[in-house]
Amino acid sequence: MTKLAPALLLLGALCACQPPEANDPANGTNVAVDDADNAVSVMAGANESANAAEPQRSILRPEVAEPEEPPKIEPAQAVIGFGETPMKLDDAARQALDALIVTPAMKAGGPITLRGHSDSRGADGDNKVASAKRAELVRDYLVEKGVAKDRITLIAIGEGRPVAPNVREDGSDDPEGQAKNRRVDVTVALPTVMVPPPVAPNAADPAAKAAPKSQ
């Protein structure tokens, strides 16, 4: 018993020197960790939102944002019918022209071609005159809406290019087909880009002259 006393005293001293146990997870350790994780997640989400809102920047020069490419402009076309009113613009024709005026191709300032057509009734010469007058009606409406007259070219085709039969198989007139053929085809092309010719060096400029060859 006497020999065990010193061992017991040593064991008690060692127990007294042990550090306190870590906090129980139930006492709030996990809560603190979760709060830290949530804070990191919120900051990461904020950074992603900020990066998404910023424009794409150059890899070589991060401070310079890459310019956005302008939208591609396509030529515009429209068919202006004169079915119900052979020599007058009706509401449908004016609405079609109004829609054409606001297209990017029209605003770009390119050339406009108006091809007038007619049905096959009457003489060929009279039909060509009628097709020219229809093209003039379309031109006058465009000019009234602010389109420059010198952009517009008129072509009177007459009855030569129908889009529907003018007569039935028994030889009688086809009113529906004739109405479709009384029309003006409008084409708005893109403006021509003029590329300047290369500038030749000035012959009088001493810097442009070739160095003399050594003898």
N, C-alpha and C. Protein backbone atom coordinates (compact mmCIF):
# COMPACT_ATOMS: atom_id res chain seq x y z
N MET A 1 0.83 -1.19 0.00
CA MET A 1 0.00 0.00 0.00
C MET A 1 0.86 1.23 0.00
N THR A 2 1.98 1.14 0.77
CA THR A 2 2.89 2.28 0.85
C THR A 2 3.53 2.54 -0.51
N LYS A 3 3.81 1.48 -1.26
CA LYS A 3 4.44 1.65 -2.57
C LYS A 3 3.46 2.26 -3.58
N LEU A 4 2.17 2.05 -3.43
CA LEU A 4 1.21 2.58 -4.40
C LEU A 4 0.94 4.05 -4.19
N ALA A 5 1.20 4.59 -3.02
CA ALA A 5 0.87 6.00 -2.75
C ALA A 5 1.60 6.95 -3.68
N PRO A 6 2.92 6.84 -3.86
CA PRO A 6 3.59 7.78 -4.80
C PRO A 6 3.05 7.66 -6.22
N ALA A 7 2.70 6.44 -6.65
CA ALA A 7 2.17 6.29 -8.02
C ALA A 7 0.84 6.99 -8.16
N LEU A 8 0.02 6.87 -7.14
CA LEU A 8 -1.29 7.55 -7.19
C LEU A 8 -1.12 9.05 -7.21
N LEU A 9 -0.16 9.56 -6.42
CA LEU A 9 0.07 11.01 -6.42
C LEU A 9 0.55 11.50 -7.79
N LEU A 10 1.43 10.72 -8.42
CA LEU A 10 1.92 11.10 -9.76
C LEU A 10 0.82 11.10 -10.79
N LEU A 11 -0.06 10.10 -10.71
CA LEU A 11 -1.18 10.03 -11.65
C LEU A 11 -2.11 11.21 -11.48
N GLY A 12 -2.36 11.61 -10.23
CA GLY A 12 -3.22 12.77 -10.00
C GLY A 12 -2.62 14.04 -10.55
N ALA A 13 -1.30 14.19 -10.43
CA ALA A 13 -0.65 15.38 -10.96
C ALA A 13 -0.74 15.45 -12.48
N LEU A 14 -0.55 14.30 -13.10
CA LEU A 14 -0.65 14.28 -14.57
C LEU A 14 -2.05 14.63 -15.03
N CYS A 15 -3.04 14.14 -14.34
CA CYS A 15 -4.44 14.47 -14.72
C CYS A 15 -4.70 15.95 -14.57
N ALA A 16 -4.12 16.56 -13.52
CA ALA A 16 -4.34 17.99 -13.32
C ALA A 16 -3.70 18.82 -14.41
N CYS A 17 -2.59 18.31 -15.02
CA CYS A 17 -1.90 19.06 -16.08
C CYS A 17 -2.54 18.90 -17.45
N GLN A 18 -3.48 17.98 -17.67
CA GLN A 18 -4.11 17.78 -18.97
C GLN A 18 -4.89 19.03 -19.37
N PRO A 19 -4.83 19.47 -20.71
CA PRO A 19 -5.62 20.65 -21.14
C PRO A 19 -7.10 20.32 -21.13
N PRO A 20 -7.93 21.33 -21.02
CA PRO A 20 -9.38 21.10 -21.01
C PRO A 20 -9.84 20.53 -22.33
N GLU A 21 -10.87 19.72 -22.25
CA GLU A 21 -11.42 19.11 -23.47
C GLU A 21 -11.99 20.18 -24.40
N ALA A 22 -11.94 19.85 -25.69
CA ALA A 22 -12.51 20.77 -26.68
C ALA A 22 -13.99 20.94 -26.44
N ASN A 23 -14.47 22.08 -26.87
CA ASN A 23 -15.90 22.37 -26.66
C ASN A 23 -16.75 21.33 -27.32
N ASP A 24 -17.76 21.01 -26.69
CA ASP A 24 -18.74 20.06 -27.23
C ASP A 24 -19.41 20.67 -28.45
N PRO A 25 -19.57 19.92 -29.54
CA PRO A 25 -20.27 20.49 -30.71
C PRO A 25 -21.63 21.01 -30.36
N ALA A 26 -22.23 20.42 -29.35
CA ALA A 26 -23.56 20.90 -28.97
C ALA A 26 -23.51 22.27 -28.34
N ASN A 27 -22.30 22.72 -27.91
CA ASN A 27 -22.20 24.00 -27.22
C ASN A 27 -21.90 25.16 -28.15
N GLY A 28 -21.89 24.94 -29.46
CA GLY A 28 -21.78 26.09 -30.38
C GLY A 28 -20.62 26.04 -31.33
N THR A 29 -19.73 25.03 -31.28
CA THR A 29 -18.59 24.99 -32.19
C THR A 29 -19.05 24.85 -33.64
N ASN A 30 -19.97 23.91 -33.88
CA ASN A 30 -20.47 23.72 -35.24
C ASN A 30 -21.19 24.94 -35.75
N VAL A 31 -21.89 25.66 -34.86
CA VAL A 31 -22.61 26.86 -35.29
C VAL A 31 -21.64 27.91 -35.80
N ALA A 32 -20.50 28.06 -35.10
CA ALA A 32 -19.51 29.04 -35.54
C ALA A 32 -18.93 28.66 -36.89
N VAL A 33 -18.66 27.36 -37.09
CA VAL A 33 -18.12 26.91 -38.37
C VAL A 33 -19.11 27.14 -39.49
N ASP A 34 -20.39 26.83 -39.23
CA ASP A 34 -21.41 27.04 -40.25
C ASP A 34 -21.53 28.50 -40.61
N ASP A 35 -21.47 29.39 -39.61
CA ASP A 35 -21.56 30.82 -39.90
C ASP A 35 -20.41 31.28 -40.79
N ALA A 36 -19.22 30.75 -40.53
CA ALA A 36 -18.07 31.13 -41.35
C ALA A 36 -18.25 30.63 -42.78
N ASP A 37 -18.74 29.37 -42.93
CA ASP A 37 -18.97 28.83 -44.28
C ASP A 37 -20.01 29.66 -45.02
N ASN A 38 -21.08 30.06 -44.34
CA ASN A 38 -22.13 30.87 -45.00
C ASN A 38 -21.58 32.21 -45.45
N ALA A 39 -20.73 32.81 -44.61
CA ALA A 39 -20.16 34.10 -44.99
C ALA A 39 -19.30 33.97 -46.24
N VAL A 40 -18.51 32.88 -46.31
CA VAL A 40 -17.67 32.66 -47.50
C VAL A 40 -18.54 32.45 -48.73
N SER A 41 -19.66 31.70 -48.60
CA SER A 41 -20.55 31.44 -49.73
C SER A 41 -21.19 32.73 -50.22
N VAL A 42 -21.60 33.61 -49.29
CA VAL A 42 -22.22 34.87 -49.68
C VAL A 42 -21.22 35.74 -50.44
N MET A 43 -19.96 35.79 -49.95
CA MET A 43 -18.96 36.59 -50.64
C MET A 43 -18.67 36.04 -52.03
N ALA A 44 -18.62 34.70 -52.15
CA ALA A 44 -18.37 34.10 -53.47
C ALA A 44 -19.51 34.41 -54.43
N GLY A 45 -20.76 34.34 -53.93
CA GLY A 45 -21.89 34.65 -54.79
C GLY A 45 -21.88 36.10 -55.24
N ALA A 46 -21.50 37.01 -54.32
CA ALA A 46 -21.43 38.42 -54.69
C ALA A 46 -20.38 38.66 -55.76
N ASN A 47 -19.23 37.97 -55.63
CA ASN A 47 -18.17 38.13 -56.63
C ASN A 47 -18.61 37.62 -57.99
N GLU A 48 -19.33 36.48 -58.01
CA GLU A 48 -19.81 35.94 -59.29
C GLU A 48 -20.79 36.90 -59.94
N SER A 49 -21.70 37.51 -59.15
CA SER A 49 -22.66 38.45 -59.71
C SER A 49 -21.96 39.67 -60.28
N ALA A 50 -20.94 40.16 -59.56
CA ALA A 50 -20.20 41.33 -60.06
C ALA A 50 -19.47 41.01 -61.35
N ASN A 51 -18.87 39.79 -61.41
CA ASN A 51 -18.16 39.40 -62.64
C ASN A 51 -19.11 39.25 -63.80
N ALA A 52 -20.32 38.74 -63.56
CA ALA A 52 -21.29 38.57 -64.64
C ALA A 52 -21.76 39.92 -65.16
N ALA A 53 -21.86 40.93 -64.28
CA ALA A 53 -22.35 42.24 -64.71
C ALA A 53 -21.30 43.01 -65.50
N GLU A 54 -20.02 42.74 -65.27
CA GLU A 54 -18.98 43.45 -65.97
C GLU A 54 -18.85 42.94 -67.40
N PRO A 55 -18.53 43.83 -68.37
CA PRO A 55 -18.30 43.37 -69.75
C PRO A 55 -17.05 42.55 -69.84
N GLN A 56 -17.01 41.69 -70.87
CA GLN A 56 -15.84 40.84 -71.07
C GLN A 56 -14.63 41.70 -71.38
N ARG A 57 -13.55 41.42 -70.70
CA ARG A 57 -12.35 42.24 -70.86
C ARG A 57 -11.26 41.46 -71.57
N SER A 58 -10.35 42.21 -72.15
CA SER A 58 -9.25 41.61 -72.89
C SER A 58 -8.33 40.85 -71.95
N ILE A 59 -7.81 39.72 -72.45
CA ILE A 59 -6.89 38.92 -71.64
C ILE A 59 -5.55 39.64 -71.52
N LEU A 60 -5.10 40.27 -72.62
CA LEU A 60 -3.81 40.94 -72.59
C LEU A 60 -3.86 42.23 -71.80
N ARG A 61 -4.98 42.95 -71.92
CA ARG A 61 -5.13 44.20 -71.18
C ARG A 61 -6.45 44.14 -70.43
N PRO A 62 -6.45 43.65 -69.20
CA PRO A 62 -7.71 43.47 -68.46
C PRO A 62 -8.48 44.76 -68.25
N GLU A 63 -7.78 45.91 -68.28
CA GLU A 63 -8.50 47.16 -68.03
C GLU A 63 -9.27 47.65 -69.24
N VAL A 64 -9.07 47.01 -70.40
CA VAL A 64 -9.75 47.41 -71.63
C VAL A 64 -10.84 46.40 -71.95
N ALA A 65 -12.10 46.85 -72.02
CA ALA A 65 -13.22 45.98 -72.36
C ALA A 65 -13.28 45.77 -73.87
N GLU A 66 -13.54 44.55 -74.29
CA GLU A 66 -13.62 44.25 -75.72
C GLU A 66 -14.90 44.86 -76.30
N PRO A 67 -14.83 45.58 -77.42
CA PRO A 67 -16.03 46.18 -78.01
C PRO A 67 -16.98 45.12 -78.54
N GLU A 68 -18.28 45.39 -78.41
CA GLU A 68 -19.29 44.47 -78.92
C GLU A 68 -19.43 44.64 -80.43
N GLU A 69 -19.61 43.52 -81.13
CA GLU A 69 -19.79 43.58 -82.58
C GLU A 69 -21.17 44.14 -82.92
N PRO A 70 -21.25 45.07 -83.89
CA PRO A 70 -22.55 45.62 -84.26
C PRO A 70 -23.41 44.54 -84.92
N PRO A 71 -24.72 44.64 -84.79
CA PRO A 71 -25.58 43.63 -85.42
C PRO A 71 -25.47 43.66 -86.94
N LYS A 72 -25.51 42.49 -87.55
CA LYS A 72 -25.39 42.39 -89.00
C LYS A 72 -26.67 42.85 -89.66
N ILE A 73 -26.52 43.68 -90.70
CA ILE A 73 -27.67 44.23 -91.44
C ILE A 73 -27.86 43.42 -92.71
N GLU A 74 -29.09 43.00 -92.95
CA GLU A 74 -29.44 42.25 -94.15
C GLU A 74 -30.28 43.12 -95.09
N PRO A 75 -30.20 42.89 -96.41
CA PRO A 75 -31.08 43.61 -97.34
C PRO A 75 -32.55 43.32 -97.01
N ALA A 76 -33.42 44.25 -97.36
CA ALA A 76 -34.85 44.13 -97.06
C ALA A 76 -35.64 44.07 -98.36
N GLN A 77 -36.75 43.34 -98.29
CA GLN A 77 -37.64 43.22 -99.46
C GLN A 77 -39.09 43.29 -99.00
N ALA A 78 -39.94 43.73 -99.91
CA ALA A 78 -41.38 43.79 -99.62
C ALA A 78 -42.14 43.75 -100.94
N VAL A 79 -43.35 43.23 -100.88
CA VAL A 79 -44.25 43.19 -102.04
C VAL A 79 -45.46 44.06 -101.70
N ILE A 80 -45.66 45.08 -102.51
CA ILE A 80 -46.77 46.01 -102.31
C ILE A 80 -47.85 45.65 -103.33
N GLY A 81 -48.97 45.16 -102.82
CA GLY A 81 -50.03 44.70 -103.71
C GLY A 81 -50.98 45.82 -104.13
N PHE A 82 -51.52 45.67 -105.33
CA PHE A 82 -52.53 46.57 -105.86
C PHE A 82 -53.73 45.75 -106.34
N GLY A 83 -54.10 44.74 -105.55
CA GLY A 83 -55.16 43.85 -105.99
C GLY A 83 -56.53 44.49 -105.95
N GLU A 84 -56.90 45.07 -104.81
CA GLU A 84 -58.23 45.67 -104.67
C GLU A 84 -58.32 47.04 -105.31
N THR A 85 -57.25 47.79 -105.27
CA THR A 85 -57.22 49.15 -105.85
C THR A 85 -56.08 49.19 -106.87
N PRO A 86 -56.35 48.91 -108.15
CA PRO A 86 -55.29 48.75 -109.14
C PRO A 86 -54.35 49.93 -109.28
N MET A 87 -54.81 51.16 -109.02
CA MET A 87 -53.96 52.33 -109.21
C MET A 87 -53.97 53.22 -107.98
N LYS A 88 -54.02 52.60 -106.79
CA LYS A 88 -54.05 53.38 -105.56
C LYS A 88 -53.50 52.54 -104.42
N LEU A 89 -52.76 53.18 -103.51
CA LEU A 89 -52.26 52.49 -102.33
C LEU A 89 -53.39 52.33 -101.31
N ASP A 90 -53.66 51.09 -100.91
CA ASP A 90 -54.66 50.86 -99.88
C ASP A 90 -53.99 50.81 -98.51
N ASP A 91 -54.79 50.54 -97.47
CA ASP A 91 -54.26 50.53 -96.11
C ASP A 91 -53.18 49.46 -95.92
N ALA A 92 -53.40 48.29 -96.51
CA ALA A 92 -52.42 47.21 -96.38
C ALA A 92 -51.10 47.60 -97.03
N ALA A 93 -51.14 48.27 -98.16
CA ALA A 93 -49.92 48.69 -98.84
C ALA A 93 -49.16 49.72 -98.02
N ARG A 94 -49.89 50.67 -97.43
CA ARG A 94 -49.23 51.68 -96.62
C ARG A 94 -48.61 51.06 -95.36
N GLN A 95 -49.30 50.11 -94.75
CA GLN A 95 -48.75 49.45 -93.58
C GLN A 95 -47.47 48.68 -93.92
N ALA A 96 -47.45 48.03 -95.07
CA ALA A 96 -46.26 47.30 -95.49
C ALA A 96 -45.09 48.25 -95.73
N LEU A 97 -45.36 49.41 -96.31
CA LEU A 97 -44.30 50.38 -96.54
C LEU A 97 -43.81 50.99 -95.23
N ASP A 98 -44.73 51.24 -94.31
CA ASP A 98 -44.32 51.78 -93.00
C ASP A 98 -43.40 50.80 -92.27
N ALA A 99 -43.72 49.50 -92.37
CA ALA A 99 -42.86 48.50 -91.74
C ALA A 99 -41.50 48.43 -92.42
N LEU A 100 -41.47 48.65 -93.73
CA LEU A 100 -40.20 48.61 -94.46
C LEU A 100 -39.32 49.81 -94.11
N ILE A 101 -39.92 50.95 -93.86
CA ILE A 101 -39.16 52.17 -93.60
C ILE A 101 -38.32 52.06 -92.33
N VAL A 102 -38.80 51.31 -91.34
CA VAL A 102 -38.10 51.23 -90.05
C VAL A 102 -37.10 50.07 -90.00
N THR A 103 -36.88 49.37 -91.10
CA THR A 103 -35.91 48.27 -91.10
C THR A 103 -34.50 48.83 -91.07
N PRO A 104 -33.53 48.06 -90.51
CA PRO A 104 -32.13 48.53 -90.50
C PRO A 104 -31.57 48.79 -91.90
N ALA A 105 -31.99 48.00 -92.88
CA ALA A 105 -31.48 48.21 -94.23
C ALA A 105 -31.92 49.56 -94.79
N MET A 106 -33.19 49.93 -94.53
CA MET A 106 -33.68 51.23 -95.01
C MET A 106 -32.96 52.37 -94.29
N LYS A 107 -32.74 52.20 -92.98
CA LYS A 107 -32.07 53.26 -92.22
C LYS A 107 -30.60 53.38 -92.58
N ALA A 108 -30.02 52.30 -93.13
CA ALA A 108 -28.60 52.34 -93.49
C ALA A 108 -28.33 53.23 -94.69
N GLY A 109 -29.36 53.53 -95.49
CA GLY A 109 -29.20 54.47 -96.59
C GLY A 109 -28.82 53.86 -97.91
N GLY A 110 -29.04 52.56 -98.08
CA GLY A 110 -28.69 51.91 -99.34
C GLY A 110 -29.68 52.21 -100.45
N PRO A 111 -29.35 51.79 -101.68
CA PRO A 111 -30.24 52.05 -102.83
C PRO A 111 -31.52 51.23 -102.76
N ILE A 112 -32.59 51.79 -103.32
CA ILE A 112 -33.91 51.16 -103.32
C ILE A 112 -34.35 50.97 -104.76
N THR A 113 -34.80 49.77 -105.09
CA THR A 113 -35.29 49.46 -106.43
C THR A 113 -36.76 49.09 -106.36
N LEU A 114 -37.57 49.75 -107.18
CA LEU A 114 -39.01 49.49 -107.26
C LEU A 114 -39.31 48.91 -108.63
N ARG A 115 -39.80 47.67 -108.66
CA ARG A 115 -40.15 47.00 -109.91
C ARG A 115 -41.67 46.88 -110.00
N GLY A 116 -42.25 47.63 -110.93
CA GLY A 116 -43.70 47.62 -111.08
C GLY A 116 -44.15 46.51 -112.01
N HIS A 117 -45.28 45.87 -111.66
CA HIS A 117 -45.84 44.76 -112.45
C HIS A 117 -47.32 45.02 -112.71
N SER A 118 -47.84 44.28 -113.69
CA SER A 118 -49.26 44.39 -114.04
C SER A 118 -49.80 43.02 -114.40
N ASP A 119 -51.10 42.95 -114.58
CA ASP A 119 -51.70 41.72 -115.08
C ASP A 119 -51.64 41.73 -116.61
N SER A 120 -52.26 40.76 -117.24
CA SER A 120 -52.14 40.62 -118.70
C SER A 120 -53.30 41.25 -119.46
N ARG A 121 -54.20 41.89 -118.75
CA ARG A 121 -55.32 42.53 -119.47
C ARG A 121 -54.82 43.78 -120.19
N GLY A 122 -55.29 44.00 -121.38
CA GLY A 122 -54.90 45.18 -122.14
C GLY A 122 -53.65 44.94 -122.95
N ALA A 123 -53.23 45.99 -123.66
CA ALA A 123 -52.05 45.92 -124.53
C ALA A 123 -50.78 45.92 -123.68
N ASP A 124 -49.72 45.38 -124.26
CA ASP A 124 -48.46 45.30 -123.53
C ASP A 124 -47.96 46.69 -123.14
N GLY A 125 -48.07 47.66 -124.06
CA GLY A 125 -47.60 49.01 -123.76
C GLY A 125 -48.40 49.64 -122.62
N ASP A 126 -49.70 49.44 -122.64
CA ASP A 126 -50.54 50.00 -121.57
C ASP A 126 -50.20 49.36 -120.22
N ASN A 127 -49.94 48.06 -120.23
CA ASN A 127 -49.60 47.38 -118.98
C ASN A 127 -48.26 47.87 -118.42
N LYS A 128 -47.33 48.17 -119.32
CA LYS A 128 -46.05 48.68 -118.83
C LYS A 128 -46.21 50.07 -118.24
N VAL A 129 -47.06 50.89 -118.84
CA VAL A 129 -47.32 52.22 -118.29
C VAL A 129 -47.99 52.09 -116.92
N ALA A 130 -48.95 51.17 -116.80
CA ALA A 130 -49.62 50.98 -115.52
C ALA A 130 -48.65 50.51 -114.44
N SER A 131 -47.73 49.63 -114.81
CA SER A 131 -46.76 49.15 -113.83
C SER A 131 -45.82 50.27 -113.39
N ALA A 132 -45.49 51.17 -114.33
CA ALA A 132 -44.64 52.31 -113.97
C ALA A 132 -45.36 53.24 -113.00
N LYS A 133 -46.65 53.46 -113.22
CA LYS A 133 -47.41 54.34 -112.33
C LYS A 133 -47.52 53.75 -110.92
N ARG A 134 -47.64 52.45 -110.83
CA ARG A 134 -47.68 51.82 -109.50
C ARG A 134 -46.35 52.02 -108.76
N ALA A 135 -45.25 51.86 -109.49
CA ALA A 135 -43.95 52.10 -108.87
C ALA A 135 -43.81 53.56 -108.44
N GLU A 136 -44.35 54.48 -109.22
CA GLU A 136 -44.30 55.90 -108.84
C GLU A 136 -45.12 56.18 -107.58
N LEU A 137 -46.25 55.50 -107.41
CA LEU A 137 -47.04 55.68 -106.20
C LEU A 137 -46.26 55.24 -104.96
N VAL A 138 -45.55 54.14 -105.09
CA VAL A 138 -44.74 53.66 -103.97
C VAL A 138 -43.60 54.64 -103.70
N ARG A 139 -42.95 55.10 -104.77
CA ARG A 139 -41.85 56.06 -104.59
C ARG A 139 -42.34 57.33 -103.89
N ASP A 140 -43.47 57.87 -104.34
CA ASP A 140 -43.98 59.12 -103.76
C ASP A 140 -44.30 58.93 -102.27
N TYR A 141 -44.79 57.78 -101.91
CA TYR A 141 -45.11 57.54 -100.50
C TYR A 141 -43.83 57.49 -99.67
N LEU A 142 -42.80 56.82 -100.18
CA LEU A 142 -41.53 56.75 -99.46
C LEU A 142 -40.91 58.14 -99.31
N VAL A 143 -40.95 58.93 -100.37
CA VAL A 143 -40.40 60.28 -100.30
C VAL A 143 -41.18 61.12 -99.30
N GLU A 144 -42.50 60.95 -99.27
CA GLU A 144 -43.32 61.68 -98.31
C GLU A 144 -42.94 61.32 -96.87
N LYS A 145 -42.47 60.11 -96.66
CA LYS A 145 -42.07 59.66 -95.33
C LYS A 145 -40.61 60.00 -94.99
N GLY A 146 -39.94 60.71 -95.89
CA GLY A 146 -38.59 61.16 -95.57
C GLY A 146 -37.48 60.42 -96.27
N VAL A 147 -37.78 59.48 -97.15
CA VAL A 147 -36.73 58.76 -97.88
C VAL A 147 -36.23 59.63 -99.03
N ALA A 148 -34.92 59.70 -99.18
CA ALA A 148 -34.33 60.52 -100.25
C ALA A 148 -34.73 59.98 -101.62
N LYS A 149 -35.17 60.86 -102.49
CA LYS A 149 -35.64 60.44 -103.81
C LYS A 149 -34.52 59.88 -104.66
N ASP A 150 -33.30 60.41 -104.48
CA ASP A 150 -32.20 59.94 -105.32
C ASP A 150 -31.74 58.52 -104.96
N ARG A 151 -32.26 57.95 -103.91
CA ARG A 151 -31.95 56.56 -103.57
C ARG A 151 -32.81 55.58 -104.37
N ILE A 152 -33.87 56.05 -104.99
CA ILE A 152 -34.90 55.17 -105.55
C ILE A 152 -34.74 55.06 -107.07
N THR A 153 -34.80 53.81 -107.55
CA THR A 153 -34.78 53.52 -108.98
C THR A 153 -36.08 52.81 -109.36
N LEU A 154 -36.73 53.26 -110.43
CA LEU A 154 -37.99 52.67 -110.90
C LEU A 154 -37.73 51.80 -112.13
N ILE A 155 -38.36 50.63 -112.15
CA ILE A 155 -38.29 49.73 -113.30
C ILE A 155 -39.70 49.26 -113.61
N ALA A 156 -40.18 49.55 -114.81
CA ALA A 156 -41.51 49.13 -115.25
C ALA A 156 -41.38 47.82 -116.02
N ILE A 157 -41.92 46.75 -115.47
CA ILE A 157 -41.81 45.43 -116.10
C ILE A 157 -43.07 45.06 -116.86
N GLY A 158 -44.19 45.58 -116.43
CA GLY A 158 -45.44 45.25 -117.11
C GLY A 158 -45.92 43.86 -116.72
N GLU A 159 -46.40 43.10 -117.73
CA GLU A 159 -46.98 41.78 -117.47
C GLU A 159 -45.97 40.65 -117.62
N GLY A 160 -44.70 40.99 -117.81
CA GLY A 160 -43.70 39.99 -118.19
C GLY A 160 -43.31 39.01 -117.10
N ARG A 161 -43.52 39.32 -115.82
CA ARG A 161 -43.07 38.42 -114.75
C ARG A 161 -44.21 38.19 -113.75
N PRO A 162 -45.23 37.43 -114.16
CA PRO A 162 -46.35 37.17 -113.25
C PRO A 162 -45.95 36.19 -112.14
N VAL A 163 -46.61 36.32 -110.99
CA VAL A 163 -46.41 35.38 -109.89
C VAL A 163 -47.59 34.42 -109.75
N ALA A 164 -48.62 34.63 -110.55
CA ALA A 164 -49.80 33.78 -110.53
C ALA A 164 -50.39 33.77 -111.94
N PRO A 165 -51.15 32.75 -112.31
CA PRO A 165 -51.76 32.70 -113.65
C PRO A 165 -52.74 33.86 -113.86
N ASN A 166 -52.67 34.49 -115.03
CA ASN A 166 -53.61 35.54 -115.38
C ASN A 166 -54.91 34.98 -115.95
N VAL A 167 -54.85 33.74 -116.46
CA VAL A 167 -56.04 33.12 -117.05
C VAL A 167 -56.15 31.69 -116.53
N ARG A 168 -57.36 31.19 -116.58
CA ARG A 168 -57.59 29.79 -116.19
C ARG A 168 -57.26 28.86 -117.35
N GLU A 169 -57.36 27.58 -117.08
CA GLU A 169 -57.04 26.60 -118.13
C GLU A 169 -58.02 26.66 -119.29
N ASP A 170 -59.25 27.15 -119.04
CA ASP A 170 -60.23 27.24 -120.14
C ASP A 170 -60.09 28.54 -120.93
N GLY A 171 -59.10 29.37 -120.58
CA GLY A 171 -58.86 30.60 -121.31
C GLY A 171 -59.53 31.83 -120.73
N SER A 172 -60.37 31.67 -119.73
CA SER A 172 -61.05 32.81 -119.11
C SER A 172 -60.12 33.50 -118.12
N ASP A 173 -60.46 34.76 -117.84
CA ASP A 173 -59.63 35.52 -116.90
C ASP A 173 -59.67 34.90 -115.50
N ASP A 174 -58.55 35.01 -114.81
CA ASP A 174 -58.45 34.56 -113.43
C ASP A 174 -58.29 35.80 -112.55
N PRO A 175 -59.37 36.34 -111.99
CA PRO A 175 -59.28 37.60 -111.22
C PRO A 175 -58.32 37.52 -110.04
N GLU A 176 -58.29 36.39 -109.36
CA GLU A 176 -57.39 36.28 -108.21
C GLU A 176 -55.93 36.32 -108.65
N GLY A 177 -55.62 35.61 -109.72
CA GLY A 177 -54.25 35.64 -110.21
C GLY A 177 -53.86 37.01 -110.73
N GLN A 178 -54.77 37.66 -111.41
CA GLN A 178 -54.48 39.00 -111.92
C GLN A 178 -54.25 39.99 -110.78
N ALA A 179 -55.02 39.84 -109.70
CA ALA A 179 -54.84 40.74 -108.55
C ALA A 179 -53.46 40.56 -107.92
N LYS A 180 -52.97 39.32 -107.85
CA LYS A 180 -51.64 39.08 -107.29
C LYS A 180 -50.54 39.65 -108.18
N ASN A 181 -50.77 39.70 -109.48
CA ASN A 181 -49.76 40.20 -110.40
C ASN A 181 -49.67 41.72 -110.41
N ARG A 182 -50.71 42.40 -109.99
CA ARG A 182 -50.65 43.87 -109.90
C ARG A 182 -49.92 44.23 -108.60
N ARG A 183 -48.64 44.51 -108.70
CA ARG A 183 -47.83 44.67 -107.51
C ARG A 183 -46.58 45.49 -107.82
N VAL A 184 -45.88 45.86 -106.75
CA VAL A 184 -44.56 46.49 -106.86
C VAL A 184 -43.62 45.75 -105.92
N ASP A 185 -42.55 45.20 -106.47
CA ASP A 185 -41.53 44.53 -105.66
C ASP A 185 -40.51 45.57 -105.23
N VAL A 186 -40.30 45.66 -103.91
CA VAL A 186 -39.36 46.64 -103.34
C VAL A 186 -38.14 45.89 -102.83
N THR A 187 -36.97 46.34 -103.24
CA THR A 187 -35.71 45.78 -102.76
C THR A 187 -34.84 46.90 -102.20
N VAL A 188 -34.41 46.74 -100.96
CA VAL A 188 -33.53 47.72 -100.31
C VAL A 188 -32.18 47.05 -100.13
N ALA A 189 -31.20 47.50 -100.88
CA ALA A 189 -29.85 46.93 -100.80
C ALA A 189 -29.04 47.67 -99.74
N LEU A 190 -27.91 47.08 -99.39
CA LEU A 190 -27.02 47.71 -98.42
C LEU A 190 -26.17 48.76 -99.12
N PRO A 191 -25.80 49.81 -98.39
CA PRO A 191 -24.97 50.84 -99.02
C PRO A 191 -23.60 50.29 -99.41
N THR A 192 -23.08 50.82 -100.49
CA THR A 192 -21.77 50.40 -100.98
C THR A 192 -20.67 51.05 -100.15
N VAL A 193 -19.75 50.23 -99.69
CA VAL A 193 -18.62 50.73 -98.90
C VAL A 193 -17.47 51.04 -99.86
N MET A 194 -17.08 52.30 -99.89
CA MET A 194 -16.00 52.73 -100.77
C MET A 194 -14.66 52.57 -100.05
N VAL A 195 -13.78 51.77 -100.66
CA VAL A 195 -12.45 51.56 -100.10
C VAL A 195 -11.48 52.47 -100.83
N PRO A 196 -10.81 53.39 -100.13
CA PRO A 196 -9.89 54.30 -100.82
C PRO A 196 -8.70 53.54 -101.39
N PRO A 197 -8.20 53.99 -102.54
CA PRO A 197 -7.04 53.31 -103.14
C PRO A 197 -5.80 53.55 -102.29
N PRO A 198 -4.82 52.67 -102.40
CA PRO A 198 -3.58 52.87 -101.63
C PRO A 198 -2.87 54.14 -102.07
N VAL A 199 -2.28 54.83 -101.12
CA VAL A 199 -1.59 56.09 -101.40
C VAL A 199 -0.17 55.78 -101.84
N ALA A 200 0.20 56.24 -103.05
CA ALA A 200 1.56 56.03 -103.55
C ALA A 200 2.50 57.00 -102.87
N PRO A 201 3.72 56.60 -102.61
CA PRO A 201 4.69 57.52 -101.98
C PRO A 201 4.99 58.69 -102.89
N ASN A 202 5.18 59.83 -102.30
CA ASN A 202 5.48 61.04 -103.06
C ASN A 202 6.89 60.97 -103.62
N ALA A 203 6.97 61.13 -104.93
CA ALA A 203 8.28 61.02 -105.58
C ALA A 203 9.22 62.13 -105.14
N ALA A 204 8.64 63.29 -104.75
CA ALA A 204 9.48 64.41 -104.35
C ALA A 204 9.97 64.28 -102.92
N ASP A 205 9.44 63.33 -102.18
CA ASP A 205 9.85 63.13 -100.79
C ASP A 205 11.18 62.41 -100.76
N PRO A 206 12.20 63.04 -100.17
CA PRO A 206 13.53 62.35 -100.16
C PRO A 206 13.47 61.02 -99.42
N ALA A 207 12.60 60.92 -98.41
CA ALA A 207 12.54 59.66 -97.65
C ALA A 207 11.98 58.54 -98.49
N ALA A 208 11.19 58.88 -99.53
CA ALA A 208 10.59 57.85 -100.35
C ALA A 208 11.54 57.32 -101.42
N LYS A 209 12.61 58.06 -101.69
CA LYS A 209 13.55 57.63 -102.72
C LYS A 209 14.43 56.50 -102.18
N ALA A 210 14.75 55.60 -103.05
CA ALA A 210 15.60 54.49 -102.65
C ALA A 210 17.03 54.99 -102.45
N ALA A 211 17.71 54.38 -101.54
CA ALA A 211 19.08 54.76 -101.27
C ALA A 211 19.95 54.38 -102.47
N PRO A 212 20.91 55.23 -102.87
CA PRO A 212 21.76 54.90 -104.04
C PRO A 212 22.63 53.69 -103.76
N LYS A 213 22.80 52.89 -104.80
CA LYS A 213 23.63 51.71 -104.65
C LYS A 213 25.09 52.10 -104.58
N SER A 214 25.83 51.36 -103.78
CA SER A 214 27.27 51.62 -103.64
C SER A 214 28.00 51.14 -104.88
N GLN A 215 29.00 51.90 -105.30
CA GLN A 215 29.78 51.55 -106.50
C GLN A 215 30.78 50.46 -106.17
